[in-house]
All heavy atoms as atom14 arrays in JSON, in Angstrom:
{
  "sequence": "AGCSALPLFYKRGPSVALWWLDDYLALDAAQRRATRAALVDWFQWH",
  "atom14_mask": [
    [1, 1, 1, 1, 1, 0, 0, 0, 0, 0, 0, 0, 0, 0],
    [1, 1, 1, 1, 0, 0, 0, 0, 0, 0, 0, 0, 0, 0],
    [1, 1, 1, 1, 1, 1, 0, 0, 0, 0, 0, 0, 0, 0],
    [1, 1, 1, 1, 1, 1, 0, 0, 0, 0, 0, 0, 0, 0],
    [1, 1, 1, 1, 1, 0, 0, 0, 0, 0, 0, 0, 0, 0],
    [1, 1, 1, 1, 1, 1, 1, 1, 0, 0, 0, 0, 0, 0],
    [1, 1, 1, 1, 1, 1, 1, 0, 0, 0, 0, 0, 0, 0],
    [1, 1, 1, 1, 1, 1, 1, 1, 0, 0, 0, 0, 0, 0],
    [1, 1, 1, 1, 1, 1, 1, 1, 1, 1, 1, 0, 0, 0],
    [1, 1, 1, 1, 1, 1, 1, 1, 1, 1, 1, 1, 0, 0],
    [1, 1, 1, 1, 1, 1, 1, 1, 1, 0, 0, 0, 0, 0],
    [1, 1, 1, 1, 1, 1, 1, 1, 1, 1, 1, 0, 0, 0],
    [1, 1, 1, 1, 0, 0, 0, 0, 0, 0, 0, 0, 0, 0],
    [1, 1, 1, 1, 1, 1, 1, 0, 0, 0, 0, 0, 0, 0],
    [1, 1, 1, 1, 1, 1, 0, 0, 0, 0, 0, 0, 0, 0],
    [1, 1, 1, 1, 1, 1, 1, 0, 0, 0, 0, 0, 0, 0],
    [1, 1, 1, 1, 1, 0, 0, 0, 0, 0, 0, 0, 0, 0],
    [1, 1, 1, 1, 1, 1, 1, 1, 0, 0, 0, 0, 0, 0],
    [1, 1, 1, 1, 1, 1, 1, 1, 1, 1, 1, 1, 1, 1],
    [1, 1, 1, 1, 1, 1, 1, 1, 1, 1, 1, 1, 1, 1],
    [1, 1, 1, 1, 1, 1, 1, 1, 0, 0, 0, 0, 0, 0],
    [1, 1, 1, 1, 1, 1, 1, 1, 0, 0, 0, 0, 0, 0],
    [1, 1, 1, 1, 1, 1, 1, 1, 0, 0, 0, 0, 0, 0],
    [1, 1, 1, 1, 1, 1, 1, 1, 1, 1, 1, 1, 0, 0],
    [1, 1, 1, 1, 1, 1, 1, 1, 0, 0, 0, 0, 0, 0],
    [1, 1, 1, 1, 1, 0, 0, 0, 0, 0, 0, 0, 0, 0],
    [1, 1, 1, 1, 1, 1, 1, 1, 0, 0, 0, 0, 0, 0],
    [1, 1, 1, 1, 1, 1, 1, 1, 0, 0, 0, 0, 0, 0],
    [1, 1, 1, 1, 1, 0, 0, 0, 0, 0, 0, 0, 0, 0],
    [1, 1, 1, 1, 1, 0, 0, 0, 0, 0, 0, 0, 0, 0],
    [1, 1, 1, 1, 1, 1, 1, 1, 1, 0, 0, 0, 0, 0],
    [1, 1, 1, 1, 1, 1, 1, 1, 1, 1, 1, 0, 0, 0],
    [1, 1, 1, 1, 1, 1, 1, 1, 1, 1, 1, 0, 0, 0],
    [1, 1, 1, 1, 1, 0, 0, 0, 0, 0, 0, 0, 0, 0],
    [1, 1, 1, 1, 1, 1, 1, 0, 0, 0, 0, 0, 0, 0],
    [1, 1, 1, 1, 1, 1, 1, 1, 1, 1, 1, 0, 0, 0],
    [1, 1, 1, 1, 1, 0, 0, 0, 0, 0, 0, 0, 0, 0],
    [1, 1, 1, 1, 1, 0, 0, 0, 0, 0, 0, 0, 0, 0],
    [1, 1, 1, 1, 1, 1, 1, 1, 0, 0, 0, 0, 0, 0],
    [1, 1, 1, 1, 1, 1, 1, 0, 0, 0, 0, 0, 0, 0],
    [1, 1, 1, 1, 1, 1, 1, 1, 0, 0, 0, 0, 0, 0],
    [1, 1, 1, 1, 1, 1, 1, 1, 1, 1, 1, 1, 1, 1],
    [1, 1, 1, 1, 1, 1, 1, 1, 1, 1, 1, 0, 0, 0],
    [1, 1, 1, 1, 1, 1, 1, 1, 1, 0, 0, 0, 0, 0],
    [1, 1, 1, 1, 1, 1, 1, 1, 1, 1, 1, 1, 1, 1],
    [1, 1, 1, 1, 1, 1, 1, 1, 1, 1, 0, 0, 0, 0]
  ],
  "atom14_positions": [
    [[156.51, -191.58, 219.01], [155.95, -190.61, 219.93], [154.92, -189.69, 219.29], [154.39, -188.78, 219.95], [157.09, -189.71, 220.5], [0.0, 0.0, 0.0], [0.0, 0.0, 0.0], [0.0, 0.0, 0.0], [0.0, 0.0, 0.0], [0.0, 0.0, 0.0], [0.0, 0.0, 0.0], [0.0, 0.0, 0.0], [0.0, 0.0, 0.0], [0.0, 0.0, 0.0]],
    [[154.61, -189.87, 218.03], [153.64, -189.04, 217.36], [154.16, -187.63, 217.09], [155.37, -187.38, 217.23], [0.0, 0.0, 0.0], [0.0, 0.0, 0.0], [0.0, 0.0, 0.0], [0.0, 0.0, 0.0], [0.0, 0.0, 0.0], [0.0, 0.0, 0.0], [0.0, 0.0, 0.0], [0.0, 0.0, 0.0], [0.0, 0.0, 0.0], [0.0, 0.0, 0.0]],
    [[153.26, -186.74, 216.79], [153.74, -185.39, 216.41], [154.45, -184.67, 217.51], [155.2, -183.73, 217.24], [152.5, -184.56, 215.94], [151.24, -184.33, 217.18], [0.0, 0.0, 0.0], [0.0, 0.0, 0.0], [0.0, 0.0, 0.0], [0.0, 0.0, 0.0], [0.0, 0.0, 0.0], [0.0, 0.0, 0.0], [0.0, 0.0, 0.0], [0.0, 0.0, 0.0]],
    [[154.25, -185.0, 218.78], [154.96, -184.34, 219.87], [156.49, -184.57, 219.77], [157.25, -183.78, 220.4], [154.44, -184.87, 221.18], [154.72, -186.27, 221.34], [0.0, 0.0, 0.0], [0.0, 0.0, 0.0], [0.0, 0.0, 0.0], [0.0, 0.0, 0.0], [0.0, 0.0, 0.0], [0.0, 0.0, 0.0], [0.0, 0.0, 0.0], [0.0, 0.0, 0.0]],
    [[156.9, -185.51, 218.96], [158.33, -185.73, 218.89], [159.04, -184.83, 217.92], [160.25, -184.69, 217.97], [158.56, -187.23, 218.39], [0.0, 0.0, 0.0], [0.0, 0.0, 0.0], [0.0, 0.0, 0.0], [0.0, 0.0, 0.0], [0.0, 0.0, 0.0], [0.0, 0.0, 0.0], [0.0, 0.0, 0.0], [0.0, 0.0, 0.0], [0.0, 0.0, 0.0]],
    [[158.27, -184.1, 217.1], [158.9, -183.26, 216.08], [159.79, -182.18, 216.65], [160.93, -182.0, 216.23], [157.87, -182.71, 215.15], [157.47, -183.56, 213.94], [156.3, -182.98, 213.22], [158.64, -183.79, 213.0], [0.0, 0.0, 0.0], [0.0, 0.0, 0.0], [0.0, 0.0, 0.0], [0.0, 0.0, 0.0], [0.0, 0.0, 0.0], [0.0, 0.0, 0.0]],
    [[159.26, -181.36, 217.64], [160.17, -180.31, 218.15], [161.41, -180.94, 218.72], [162.47, -180.35, 218.62], [159.27, -179.65, 219.19], [157.89, -179.92, 218.75], [157.92, -181.32, 218.14], [0.0, 0.0, 0.0], [0.0, 0.0, 0.0], [0.0, 0.0, 0.0], [0.0, 0.0, 0.0], [0.0, 0.0, 0.0], [0.0, 0.0, 0.0], [0.0, 0.0, 0.0]],
    [[161.24, -181.99, 219.45], [162.44, -182.65, 220.13], [163.43, -183.15, 219.08], [164.61, -183.02, 219.23], [161.96, -183.78, 220.97], [163.03, -184.53, 221.77], [163.75, -183.59, 222.76], [162.5, -185.73, 222.54], [0.0, 0.0, 0.0], [0.0, 0.0, 0.0], [0.0, 0.0, 0.0], [0.0, 0.0, 0.0], [0.0, 0.0, 0.0], [0.0, 0.0, 0.0]],
    [[162.87, -183.68, 217.96], [163.74, -184.19, 216.88], [164.6, -183.13, 216.36], [165.84, -183.31, 216.21], [162.84, -184.77, 215.8], [163.58, -185.18, 214.57], [164.26, -186.41, 214.53], [163.59, -184.45, 213.44], [164.93, -186.84, 213.41], [164.29, -184.82, 212.29], [164.93, -186.04, 212.27], [0.0, 0.0, 0.0], [0.0, 0.0, 0.0], [0.0, 0.0, 0.0]],
    [[164.06, -181.94, 216.03], [164.79, -180.87, 215.49], [165.72, -180.19, 216.52], [166.76, -179.64, 216.2], [163.92, -179.89, 214.76], [163.38, -180.41, 213.46], [162.08, -180.8, 213.35], [164.24, -180.6, 212.38], [161.58, -181.35, 212.11], [163.76, -181.13, 211.18], [162.46, -181.53, 211.05], [162.01, -182.02, 209.88], [0.0, 0.0, 0.0], [0.0, 0.0, 0.0]],
    [[165.27, -180.12, 217.79], [166.12, -179.49, 218.82], [167.26, -180.37, 219.13], [168.39, -179.86, 219.32], [165.25, -179.3, 220.07], [165.97, -178.57, 221.2], [165.02, -178.34, 222.37], [165.74, -177.61, 223.46], [164.84, -177.39, 224.67], [0.0, 0.0, 0.0], [0.0, 0.0, 0.0], [0.0, 0.0, 0.0], [0.0, 0.0, 0.0], [0.0, 0.0, 0.0]],
    [[167.04, -181.69, 219.32], [168.14, -182.58, 219.76], [168.89, -183.24, 218.62], [169.94, -183.82, 218.87], [167.5, -183.66, 220.67], [166.82, -183.12, 221.93], [167.84, -182.65, 222.99], [167.16, -182.13, 224.14], [166.67, -182.83, 225.12], [166.76, -184.11, 225.08], [166.11, -182.23, 226.17], [0.0, 0.0, 0.0], [0.0, 0.0, 0.0], [0.0, 0.0, 0.0]],
    [[168.3, -183.26, 217.41], [168.93, -184.0, 216.32], [170.37, -183.64, 216.07], [171.2, -184.56, 215.99], [0.0, 0.0, 0.0], [0.0, 0.0, 0.0], [0.0, 0.0, 0.0], [0.0, 0.0, 0.0], [0.0, 0.0, 0.0], [0.0, 0.0, 0.0], [0.0, 0.0, 0.0], [0.0, 0.0, 0.0], [0.0, 0.0, 0.0], [0.0, 0.0, 0.0]],
    [[170.71, -182.33, 215.96], [172.13, -182.03, 215.75], [173.08, -182.57, 216.84], [174.17, -183.12, 216.58], [172.13, -180.5, 215.68], [170.78, -180.11, 215.26], [169.87, -181.14, 215.9], [0.0, 0.0, 0.0], [0.0, 0.0, 0.0], [0.0, 0.0, 0.0], [0.0, 0.0, 0.0], [0.0, 0.0, 0.0], [0.0, 0.0, 0.0], [0.0, 0.0, 0.0]],
    [[172.6, -182.47, 218.09], [173.45, -182.98, 219.22], [173.6, -184.48, 219.14], [174.66, -184.99, 219.37], [172.81, -182.53, 220.53], [172.77, -181.13, 220.69], [0.0, 0.0, 0.0], [0.0, 0.0, 0.0], [0.0, 0.0, 0.0], [0.0, 0.0, 0.0], [0.0, 0.0, 0.0], [0.0, 0.0, 0.0], [0.0, 0.0, 0.0], [0.0, 0.0, 0.0]],
    [[172.52, -185.18, 218.84], [172.58, -186.69, 218.8], [173.44, -187.07, 217.61], [174.3, -188.03, 217.8], [171.19, -187.29, 218.7], [171.24, -188.78, 218.39], [170.34, -186.98, 219.92], [0.0, 0.0, 0.0], [0.0, 0.0, 0.0], [0.0, 0.0, 0.0], [0.0, 0.0, 0.0], [0.0, 0.0, 0.0], [0.0, 0.0, 0.0], [0.0, 0.0, 0.0]],
    [[173.28, -186.44, 216.47], [174.11, -186.79, 215.34], [175.64, -186.5, 215.59], [176.46, -187.25, 215.18], [173.66, -186.06, 214.09], [0.0, 0.0, 0.0], [0.0, 0.0, 0.0], [0.0, 0.0, 0.0], [0.0, 0.0, 0.0], [0.0, 0.0, 0.0], [0.0, 0.0, 0.0], [0.0, 0.0, 0.0], [0.0, 0.0, 0.0], [0.0, 0.0, 0.0]],
    [[175.85, -185.35, 216.24], [177.24, -184.99, 216.54], [177.85, -186.02, 217.54], [179.02, -186.41, 217.39], [177.34, -183.59, 217.13], [178.7, -183.12, 217.51], [179.62, -183.06, 216.24], [178.63, -181.73, 218.17], [0.0, 0.0, 0.0], [0.0, 0.0, 0.0], [0.0, 0.0, 0.0], [0.0, 0.0, 0.0], [0.0, 0.0, 0.0], [0.0, 0.0, 0.0]],
    [[177.05, -186.44, 218.5], [177.55, -187.42, 219.49], [177.9, -188.73, 218.76], [178.91, -189.32, 219.02], [176.43, -187.69, 220.51], [176.76, -188.84, 221.41], [177.54, -188.91, 222.46], [176.3, -190.23, 221.17], [177.6, -190.15, 222.99], [176.88, -191.01, 222.26], [175.51, -190.8, 220.26], [176.6, -192.38, 222.39], [175.24, -192.18, 220.34], [175.83, -192.95, 221.4]],
    [[177.03, -189.13, 217.78], [177.33, -190.37, 217.05], [178.62, -190.25, 216.24], [179.43, -191.11, 216.18], [176.13, -190.7, 216.12], [176.25, -192.0, 215.47], [175.83, -193.21, 215.91], [176.78, -192.2, 214.14], [176.09, -194.18, 214.95], [176.69, -193.62, 213.83], [177.33, -191.38, 213.19], [177.12, -194.17, 212.71], [177.79, -191.97, 212.0], [177.68, -193.36, 211.78]],
    [[178.73, -189.13, 215.51], [179.94, -188.93, 214.66], [181.19, -188.89, 215.57], [182.24, -189.41, 215.18], [179.81, -187.64, 213.92], [178.81, -187.69, 212.7], [178.56, -186.29, 212.17], [179.38, -188.61, 211.61], [0.0, 0.0, 0.0], [0.0, 0.0, 0.0], [0.0, 0.0, 0.0], [0.0, 0.0, 0.0], [0.0, 0.0, 0.0], [0.0, 0.0, 0.0]],
    [[181.08, -188.18, 216.67], [182.21, -188.05, 217.58], [182.63, -189.41, 218.11], [183.86, -189.73, 218.24], [181.88, -187.1, 218.74], [183.13, -186.71, 219.49], [184.25, -186.84, 218.98], [182.97, -186.16, 220.63], [0.0, 0.0, 0.0], [0.0, 0.0, 0.0], [0.0, 0.0, 0.0], [0.0, 0.0, 0.0], [0.0, 0.0, 0.0], [0.0, 0.0, 0.0]],
    [[181.64, -190.26, 218.43], [181.94, -191.63, 218.9], [182.73, -192.42, 217.87], [183.65, -193.23, 218.19], [180.66, -192.32, 219.3], [180.87, -193.74, 219.77], [181.72, -193.98, 220.64], [180.21, -194.65, 219.32], [0.0, 0.0, 0.0], [0.0, 0.0, 0.0], [0.0, 0.0, 0.0], [0.0, 0.0, 0.0], [0.0, 0.0, 0.0], [0.0, 0.0, 0.0]],
    [[182.37, -192.23, 216.59], [183.02, -193.0, 215.55], [184.31, -192.37, 215.07], [185.17, -193.07, 214.52], [182.01, -193.22, 214.39], [181.15, -194.41, 214.56], [180.08, -194.38, 215.41], [181.44, -195.63, 213.91], [179.28, -195.48, 215.58], [180.61, -196.77, 214.04], [179.54, -196.68, 214.93], [178.78, -197.81, 215.06], [0.0, 0.0, 0.0], [0.0, 0.0, 0.0]],
    [[184.44, -191.04, 215.22], [185.57, -190.39, 214.59], [186.55, -189.69, 215.53], [187.59, -189.21, 215.15], [185.06, -189.31, 213.61], [184.3, -189.86, 212.37], [183.66, -188.74, 211.62], [185.22, -190.61, 211.43], [0.0, 0.0, 0.0], [0.0, 0.0, 0.0], [0.0, 0.0, 0.0], [0.0, 0.0, 0.0], [0.0, 0.0, 0.0], [0.0, 0.0, 0.0]],
    [[186.14, -189.62, 216.85], [186.97, -188.92, 217.86], [187.36, -187.5, 217.34], [188.6, -187.19, 217.27], [188.21, -189.81, 218.15], [0.0, 0.0, 0.0], [0.0, 0.0, 0.0], [0.0, 0.0, 0.0], [0.0, 0.0, 0.0], [0.0, 0.0, 0.0], [0.0, 0.0, 0.0], [0.0, 0.0, 0.0], [0.0, 0.0, 0.0], [0.0, 0.0, 0.0]],
    [[186.4, -186.71, 217.15], [186.61, -185.38, 216.6], [187.39, -184.46, 217.61], [187.22, -184.57, 218.83], [185.28, -184.73, 216.27], [184.33, -185.48, 215.32], [183.03, -184.74, 215.16], [184.98, -185.65, 213.94], [0.0, 0.0, 0.0], [0.0, 0.0, 0.0], [0.0, 0.0, 0.0], [0.0, 0.0, 0.0], [0.0, 0.0, 0.0], [0.0, 0.0, 0.0]],
    [[188.17, -183.55, 217.04], [188.78, -182.57, 217.87], [187.83, -181.37, 218.07], [186.74, -181.34, 217.46], [190.13, -182.14, 217.32], [190.13, -181.46, 215.99], [189.06, -180.8, 215.64], [191.09, -181.56, 215.17], [0.0, 0.0, 0.0], [0.0, 0.0, 0.0], [0.0, 0.0, 0.0], [0.0, 0.0, 0.0], [0.0, 0.0, 0.0], [0.0, 0.0, 0.0]],
    [[188.24, -180.4, 218.82], [187.33, -179.27, 219.19], [186.93, -178.5, 217.9], [185.7, -178.17, 217.74], [187.97, -178.32, 220.17], [0.0, 0.0, 0.0], [0.0, 0.0, 0.0], [0.0, 0.0, 0.0], [0.0, 0.0, 0.0], [0.0, 0.0, 0.0], [0.0, 0.0, 0.0], [0.0, 0.0, 0.0], [0.0, 0.0, 0.0], [0.0, 0.0, 0.0]],
    [[187.8, -178.22, 217.03], [187.5, -177.47, 215.79], [186.56, -178.26, 214.89], [185.62, -177.71, 214.37], [188.8, -177.09, 215.05], [0.0, 0.0, 0.0], [0.0, 0.0, 0.0], [0.0, 0.0, 0.0], [0.0, 0.0, 0.0], [0.0, 0.0, 0.0], [0.0, 0.0, 0.0], [0.0, 0.0, 0.0], [0.0, 0.0, 0.0], [0.0, 0.0, 0.0]],
    [[186.82, -179.53, 214.78], [185.93, -180.44, 213.97], [184.52, -180.44, 214.55], [183.54, -180.41, 213.77], [186.51, -181.82, 213.83], [187.75, -181.89, 213.02], [188.42, -183.26, 213.14], [188.4, -183.87, 214.18], [189.08, -183.67, 212.06], [0.0, 0.0, 0.0], [0.0, 0.0, 0.0], [0.0, 0.0, 0.0], [0.0, 0.0, 0.0], [0.0, 0.0, 0.0]],
    [[184.39, -180.56, 215.88], [183.1, -180.58, 216.53], [182.33, -179.3, 216.25], [181.11, -179.3, 215.99], [183.23, -180.83, 218.05], [183.46, -182.29, 218.41], [183.25, -182.57, 219.86], [184.28, -181.87, 220.66], [185.46, -182.46, 220.95], [185.79, -183.65, 220.51], [186.34, -181.77, 221.69], [0.0, 0.0, 0.0], [0.0, 0.0, 0.0], [0.0, 0.0, 0.0]],
    [[183.01, -178.15, 216.34], [182.33, -176.86, 216.15], [181.78, -176.77, 214.71], [180.65, -176.4, 214.46], [183.31, -175.76, 216.43], [183.51, -175.5, 217.92], [184.18, -174.1, 218.13], [185.46, -174.04, 217.52], [186.58, -174.39, 218.12], [186.63, -174.89, 219.33], [187.82, -174.28, 217.44], [0.0, 0.0, 0.0], [0.0, 0.0, 0.0], [0.0, 0.0, 0.0]],
    [[182.66, -177.14, 213.73], [182.3, -177.04, 212.35], [181.21, -177.97, 212.02], [180.24, -177.71, 211.28], [183.47, -177.26, 211.47], [0.0, 0.0, 0.0], [0.0, 0.0, 0.0], [0.0, 0.0, 0.0], [0.0, 0.0, 0.0], [0.0, 0.0, 0.0], [0.0, 0.0, 0.0], [0.0, 0.0, 0.0], [0.0, 0.0, 0.0], [0.0, 0.0, 0.0]],
    [[181.28, -179.23, 212.55], [180.31, -180.27, 212.25], [178.98, -179.94, 212.87], [177.94, -180.13, 212.28], [180.82, -181.61, 212.73], [182.03, -181.95, 212.08], [179.82, -182.75, 212.39], [0.0, 0.0, 0.0], [0.0, 0.0, 0.0], [0.0, 0.0, 0.0], [0.0, 0.0, 0.0], [0.0, 0.0, 0.0], [0.0, 0.0, 0.0], [0.0, 0.0, 0.0]],
    [[178.99, -179.42, 214.06], [177.73, -179.04, 214.73], [176.98, -177.93, 213.92], [175.79, -178.02, 213.72], [177.95, -178.59, 216.18], [176.62, -178.16, 216.82], [176.76, -177.87, 218.31], [175.48, -177.47, 218.85], [174.51, -178.33, 219.22], [174.72, -179.63, 219.04], [173.36, -177.88, 219.61], [0.0, 0.0, 0.0], [0.0, 0.0, 0.0], [0.0, 0.0, 0.0]],
    [[177.77, -176.95, 213.51], [177.16, -175.87, 212.63], [176.53, -176.47, 211.41], [175.44, -176.08, 210.99], [178.17, -174.84, 212.31], [0.0, 0.0, 0.0], [0.0, 0.0, 0.0], [0.0, 0.0, 0.0], [0.0, 0.0, 0.0], [0.0, 0.0, 0.0], [0.0, 0.0, 0.0], [0.0, 0.0, 0.0], [0.0, 0.0, 0.0], [0.0, 0.0, 0.0]],
    [[177.26, -177.4, 210.79], [176.74, -178.01, 209.54], [175.47, -178.81, 209.82], [174.57, -178.84, 208.98], [177.82, -178.9, 208.85], [0.0, 0.0, 0.0], [0.0, 0.0, 0.0], [0.0, 0.0, 0.0], [0.0, 0.0, 0.0], [0.0, 0.0, 0.0], [0.0, 0.0, 0.0], [0.0, 0.0, 0.0], [0.0, 0.0, 0.0], [0.0, 0.0, 0.0]],
    [[175.5, -179.54, 210.95], [174.31, -180.33, 211.31], [173.09, -179.43, 211.62], [171.92, -179.77, 211.21], [174.6, -181.21, 212.51], [175.57, -182.42, 212.21], [176.05, -183.03, 213.53], [174.84, -183.47, 211.41], [0.0, 0.0, 0.0], [0.0, 0.0, 0.0], [0.0, 0.0, 0.0], [0.0, 0.0, 0.0], [0.0, 0.0, 0.0], [0.0, 0.0, 0.0]],
    [[173.26, -178.34, 212.27], [172.19, -177.39, 212.5], [171.64, -176.93, 211.21], [170.39, -176.85, 211.02], [172.69, -176.2, 213.4], [171.63, -175.11, 213.42], [172.98, -176.7, 214.8], [0.0, 0.0, 0.0], [0.0, 0.0, 0.0], [0.0, 0.0, 0.0], [0.0, 0.0, 0.0], [0.0, 0.0, 0.0], [0.0, 0.0, 0.0], [0.0, 0.0, 0.0]],
    [[172.47, -176.55, 210.27], [172.03, -176.11, 208.93], [171.25, -177.22, 208.27], [170.19, -177.0, 207.62], [173.21, -175.73, 208.08], [173.86, -174.42, 208.52], [173.2, -173.7, 209.28], [174.98, -174.12, 208.05], [0.0, 0.0, 0.0], [0.0, 0.0, 0.0], [0.0, 0.0, 0.0], [0.0, 0.0, 0.0], [0.0, 0.0, 0.0], [0.0, 0.0, 0.0]],
    [[171.7, -178.49, 208.37], [171.01, -179.59, 207.64], [169.66, -179.78, 208.29], [168.69, -179.92, 207.54], [171.83, -180.88, 207.79], [171.26, -181.96, 207.01], [171.52, -182.32, 205.7], [170.23, -182.91, 207.41], [170.82, -183.44, 205.25], [169.96, -183.78, 206.32], [169.49, -183.09, 208.57], [169.06, -184.78, 206.33], [168.55, -184.11, 208.65], [168.34, -184.97, 207.52]],
    [[169.51, -179.77, 209.6], [168.24, -179.94, 210.21], [167.28, -178.79, 209.88], [166.04, -178.99, 209.71], [168.32, -180.13, 211.71], [168.68, -181.56, 212.13], [169.97, -182.01, 212.09], [167.67, -182.39, 212.58], [170.25, -183.3, 212.45], [167.95, -183.71, 212.93], [169.22, -184.19, 212.89], [0.0, 0.0, 0.0], [0.0, 0.0, 0.0], [0.0, 0.0, 0.0]],
    [[167.77, -177.59, 209.75], [166.93, -176.48, 209.33], [166.44, -176.63, 207.95], [165.27, -176.39, 207.6], [167.7, -175.15, 209.49], [167.92, -174.73, 210.91], [168.8, -173.53, 211.04], [169.53, -173.13, 210.14], [168.77, -172.91, 212.23], [0.0, 0.0, 0.0], [0.0, 0.0, 0.0], [0.0, 0.0, 0.0], [0.0, 0.0, 0.0], [0.0, 0.0, 0.0]],
    [[167.34, -177.09, 207.03], [166.93, -177.42, 205.68], [165.84, -178.47, 205.63], [164.86, -178.36, 204.91], [168.13, -177.86, 204.88], [167.79, -178.56, 203.58], [167.43, -177.97, 202.37], [167.62, -179.97, 203.35], [167.12, -178.9, 201.46], [167.25, -180.14, 202.01], [167.74, -181.08, 204.14], [166.96, -181.41, 201.49], [167.54, -182.34, 203.62], [167.14, -182.49, 202.3]],
    [[166.07, -179.51, 206.46], [165.13, -180.61, 206.44], [163.76, -180.17, 206.91], [162.73, -180.51, 206.3], [165.7, -181.75, 207.38], [164.88, -182.98, 207.27], [163.74, -183.21, 208.08], [165.07, -184.09, 206.57], [163.28, -184.4, 207.78], [164.05, -184.95, 206.9], [0.0, 0.0, 0.0], [0.0, 0.0, 0.0], [0.0, 0.0, 0.0], [0.0, 0.0, 0.0]]
  ]
}
């Protein structure tokens, strides 16, 4: 999608990654909250 994809990548990336992890690990509510926060931090670092 070219450079127009960058904002979408960082906005949606944590949600997409969390969805993938949840699909593979069946996370509980506490795990989802902690993992989402960690993913947001990782995308900000990136």
